[in-house]
Amino acid sequence: MDSVRFLPLQVAAVCYRKSGASFEFLLVNTTSGDRWTFPKGDTARRLSHSQAAKREALEEAGAVGVIEPQHFQLYLYPKGDSRVGVQEFVVKAFLLKVSHTQAPEEQNRNPTWFSVDDARSALAMGRETKYAAELRTVIDRAVERLAAEGKPEPDSRRAPRYRIWRSLLRLLRLDFS
C-alpha cells in the first residue's frame, strides 16, 4: 500500500495597492536576504488562516489593511537548500489591500513595492523554474481577481425579479415601458 504524503501548510499575505490603472505588490526579502517573497509564515491555533496571514504581513512588511477571509490561490514553496535538504510547503495565499505601512517588526526584510511585471520578475529571480512559475501564477491570479472586482457583474438575481414585476404590470395594464 502506498503511503500518502502530506505537505506542511503555511499562509501568505499578497499585499497590494492600486496604482493608476494597475496594481503594485509589496514583497519582502527572505530571511536569508537573497530573494523576494510574499510575507508568509506558519498558521496559528487561535487565528484563522487569513488572520495568520495578516499577522505575517504586519510582522514582515509592516503592512496594515483589510484581508480577504478566503484564500484565492494555493502554491508550492521550498524551504532549505540542496546541501541540507529541501522541504516543500503548501501555501494558502490571501489578498490584503494595504491601507498604510509602518516599520516592520522583523529586521532586514526590506519591504518594497513592485509593479506587476517587476513583481513577477523579482519573485522568479534565483529560483528553480518550478517555484518561479508558482509565484508568477500567484501574481497573475491576484491581478485577474482584482481586475474582475472593478468590473460590475450582472446581478443575476435582479433580472428574473424585474421580468416578473414587468409581467405583473402588463397584466394590470400598468405597463410603464
Protein backbone atom coordinates (compact mmCIF):
# COMPACT_ATOMS: atom_id res chain seq x y z
CA MET A 1 0.00 0.00 0.00
CA ASP A 2 1.35 3.41 -0.97
CA SER A 3 1.68 5.98 1.78
CA VAL A 4 0.16 9.40 1.31
CA ARG A 5 2.49 12.33 1.84
CA PHE A 6 1.03 15.48 3.33
CA LEU A 7 2.88 18.73 2.92
CA PRO A 8 3.03 21.22 5.78
CA LEU A 9 0.86 24.33 5.43
CA GLN A 10 1.82 27.99 5.55
CA VAL A 11 -0.14 31.17 4.83
CA ALA A 12 0.85 34.23 2.80
CA ALA A 13 -0.49 37.75 2.52
CA VAL A 14 -0.40 39.00 -1.06
CA CYS A 15 -0.26 42.70 -0.19
CA TYR A 16 -1.38 45.09 -2.89
CA ARG A 17 -2.43 48.65 -3.61
CA LYS A 18 -3.98 50.35 -6.62
CA SER A 19 -1.54 52.32 -8.75
CA GLY A 20 -3.29 54.23 -11.51
CA ALA A 21 -4.99 51.69 -13.75
CA SER A 22 -2.84 48.84 -12.40
CA PHE A 23 -1.66 47.40 -9.09
CA GLU A 24 1.51 47.19 -7.07
CA PHE A 25 2.57 44.34 -4.81
CA LEU A 26 4.53 44.58 -1.57
CA LEU A 27 7.30 41.99 -1.36
CA VAL A 28 9.84 41.28 1.36
CA ASN A 29 13.30 39.71 1.38
CA THR A 30 13.52 36.10 2.50
CA THR A 31 15.20 35.58 5.87
CA SER A 32 18.45 34.79 4.04
CA GLY A 33 18.04 38.09 2.17
CA ASP A 34 18.83 36.69 -1.26
CA ARG A 35 15.33 36.52 -2.78
CA TRP A 36 11.96 38.27 -2.76
CA THR A 37 8.79 36.68 -1.43
CA PHE A 38 5.34 37.43 -0.04
CA PRO A 39 5.04 37.88 3.72
CA LYS A 40 4.26 34.36 4.90
CA GLY A 41 4.57 32.00 7.78
CA ASP A 42 3.00 29.31 9.88
CA THR A 43 -0.63 29.07 10.85
CA ALA A 44 -1.61 29.75 14.45
CA ARG A 45 -4.01 27.83 16.65
CA ARG A 46 -6.01 30.81 17.82
CA LEU A 47 -6.15 32.59 14.47
CA SER A 48 -7.97 31.81 11.24
CA HIS A 49 -5.67 31.25 8.29
CA SER A 50 -6.47 34.70 6.91
CA GLN A 51 -5.75 36.34 10.27
CA ALA A 52 -2.44 34.46 10.50
CA ALA A 53 -1.54 35.78 7.03
CA LYS A 54 -2.49 39.30 8.11
CA ARG A 55 -0.21 38.93 11.16
CA GLU A 56 2.67 37.89 8.87
CA ALA A 57 2.11 40.96 6.69
CA LEU A 58 2.36 43.21 9.74
CA GLU A 59 5.41 41.45 11.20
CA GLU A 60 7.43 41.10 7.99
CA ALA A 61 6.30 44.05 5.86
CA GLY A 62 4.67 46.46 8.30
CA ALA A 63 1.55 46.27 6.10
CA VAL A 64 -1.79 47.23 7.58
CA GLY A 65 -5.06 46.73 5.73
CA VAL A 66 -8.05 44.56 5.01
CA ILE A 67 -7.51 40.88 4.25
CA GLU A 68 -9.96 38.67 2.40
CA PRO A 69 -11.27 35.83 4.58
CA GLN A 70 -10.81 33.15 1.87
CA HIS A 71 -7.59 32.26 0.08
CA PHE A 72 -7.57 32.82 -3.68
CA GLN A 73 -4.64 30.60 -4.63
CA LEU A 74 -2.52 27.70 -3.37
CA TYR A 75 1.13 27.38 -4.31
CA LEU A 76 4.19 25.28 -3.50
CA TYR A 77 7.15 26.87 -1.77
CA PRO A 78 10.50 25.26 -0.88
CA LYS A 79 12.49 25.85 2.29
CA GLY A 80 16.07 24.80 2.79
CA ASP A 81 18.77 24.13 0.24
CA SER A 82 20.20 21.22 -1.69
CA ARG A 83 23.02 20.64 0.85
CA VAL A 84 20.72 20.18 3.84
CA GLY A 85 17.57 19.13 2.04
CA VAL A 86 14.54 20.94 0.71
CA GLN A 87 11.15 20.80 2.41
CA GLU A 88 8.12 21.75 0.29
CA PHE A 89 5.21 23.63 1.82
CA VAL A 90 1.73 24.28 0.52
CA VAL A 91 0.96 27.97 0.95
CA LYS A 92 -2.53 29.48 1.06
CA ALA A 93 -2.42 32.97 -0.48
CA PHE A 94 -4.78 35.68 0.79
CA LEU A 95 -5.25 39.11 -0.76
CA LEU A 96 -4.56 42.01 1.60
CA LYS A 97 -5.48 45.53 0.47
CA VAL A 98 -2.90 47.76 2.14
CA SER A 99 -4.18 50.99 3.66
CA HIS A 100 -0.80 52.03 5.05
CA THR A 101 2.56 50.69 6.14
CA GLN A 102 4.63 51.11 9.26
CA ALA A 103 8.04 49.87 10.34
CA PRO A 104 8.03 46.05 10.22
CA GLU A 105 8.71 44.09 13.39
CA GLU A 106 11.24 41.84 11.62
CA GLN A 107 14.51 43.47 10.63
CA ASN A 108 16.23 43.13 7.23
CA ARG A 109 13.03 42.27 5.32
CA ASN A 110 13.23 45.44 3.20
CA PRO A 111 9.53 45.71 2.23
CA THR A 112 9.37 47.13 -1.30
CA TRP A 113 6.52 47.94 -3.71
CA PHE A 114 6.76 46.40 -7.18
CA SER A 115 4.72 46.87 -10.35
CA VAL A 116 3.00 43.71 -11.62
CA ASP A 117 5.75 42.89 -14.14
CA ASP A 118 8.56 43.75 -11.73
CA ALA A 119 6.95 41.59 -9.00
CA ARG A 120 6.75 38.64 -11.40
CA SER A 121 10.44 39.07 -12.26
CA ALA A 122 11.60 39.66 -8.68
CA LEU A 123 9.77 36.57 -7.41
CA ALA A 124 11.30 34.39 -10.15
CA MET A 125 14.87 35.59 -9.63
CA GLY A 126 17.17 32.96 -8.12
CA ARG A 127 14.52 30.22 -8.02
CA GLU A 128 14.08 26.89 -9.72
CA THR A 129 11.77 27.11 -12.74
CA LYS A 130 9.01 25.15 -10.97
CA TYR A 131 8.83 27.53 -7.99
CA ALA A 132 9.29 30.66 -10.09
CA ALA A 133 6.26 29.59 -12.13
CA GLU A 134 4.26 29.01 -8.93
CA LEU A 135 4.94 32.55 -7.71
CA ARG A 136 4.27 34.15 -11.10
CA THR A 137 0.93 32.35 -11.13
CA VAL A 138 0.06 33.87 -7.75
CA ILE A 139 0.65 37.36 -9.18
CA ASP A 140 -1.35 36.54 -12.32
CA ARG A 141 -4.32 35.18 -10.32
CA ALA A 142 -4.22 38.17 -7.99
CA VAL A 143 -4.33 40.60 -10.94
CA GLU A 144 -7.18 38.66 -12.56
CA ARG A 145 -9.11 38.67 -9.30
CA LEU A 146 -8.51 42.36 -8.61
CA ALA A 147 -9.33 43.41 -12.18
CA ALA A 148 -12.60 41.43 -12.02
CA GLU A 149 -13.56 43.26 -8.81
CA GLY A 150 -13.51 46.56 -10.67
CA LYS A 151 -15.99 45.41 -13.31
CA PRO A 152 -19.67 45.44 -12.49
CA GLU A 153 -21.02 41.93 -12.59
CA PRO A 154 -24.54 41.37 -13.79
CA ASP A 155 -26.93 40.83 -10.92
CA SER A 156 -28.38 37.50 -11.90
CA ARG A 157 -30.97 37.73 -9.13
CA ARG A 158 -32.35 41.08 -10.28
CA ALA A 159 -33.17 40.13 -13.88
CA PRO A 160 -35.81 37.46 -13.10
CA ARG A 161 -37.42 39.72 -10.48
CA TYR A 162 -37.57 42.58 -12.95
CA ARG A 163 -39.21 40.35 -15.57
CA ILE A 164 -41.80 39.12 -13.05
CA TRP A 165 -42.71 42.65 -11.98
CA ARG A 166 -42.89 43.81 -15.58
CA SER A 167 -45.20 40.89 -16.43
CA LEU A 168 -47.44 41.73 -13.47
CA LEU A 169 -47.62 45.36 -14.51
CA ARG A 170 -48.58 44.34 -18.05
CA LEU A 171 -51.31 42.09 -16.67
CA LEU A 172 -52.67 45.03 -14.74
CA ARG A 173 -52.25 47.23 -17.84
CA LEU A 174 -49.88 49.49 -15.99
CA ASP A 175 -47.05 48.98 -18.44
CA PHE A 176 -44.62 51.88 -18.00
CA SER A 177 -42.19 50.84 -20.72
